[in-house]
């Protein structure tokens, strides 16, 4: 139904929020808009918050969406975290994860927003405990 997003250069983070029934016809325009956004720069990570969304999408459509997400990776976006609340959203997100990983996309699915944020922070050189590695 609706997907909105913000890009925070300070956090190096794209935050997308999905609400309602989400179909491929929602995801493709969202990704097209994001790909055209001048704020899309290398080094960003992605958080897709689907806690208030329900999927209505086929596996073939998921594969097409994964192909378009690959374009984000080609533009320098790093890992992506998906947060799901319902069983259906979690299952579809896990299916997307498998398809996306086959394309080389670093993505994972979480039940809790905090877990997703920790996963994204790891790419910044922080561990889940907030510790940073020593420079080499």
Foldseek 3Di string as FASTA:
>chain_A
DAKDWDQDPVVLEIEIEDAEEDELVHLVVVLVVVLPDPSLAAPHEYEYECQHYAYDYDLVSLLVSLVSVVVSVVRHYAAYEYEYADPRVQVVVVSSVVSNVVVVHHYDYYPDPLVRVQVVVVVVQAHSVRDHDDDD
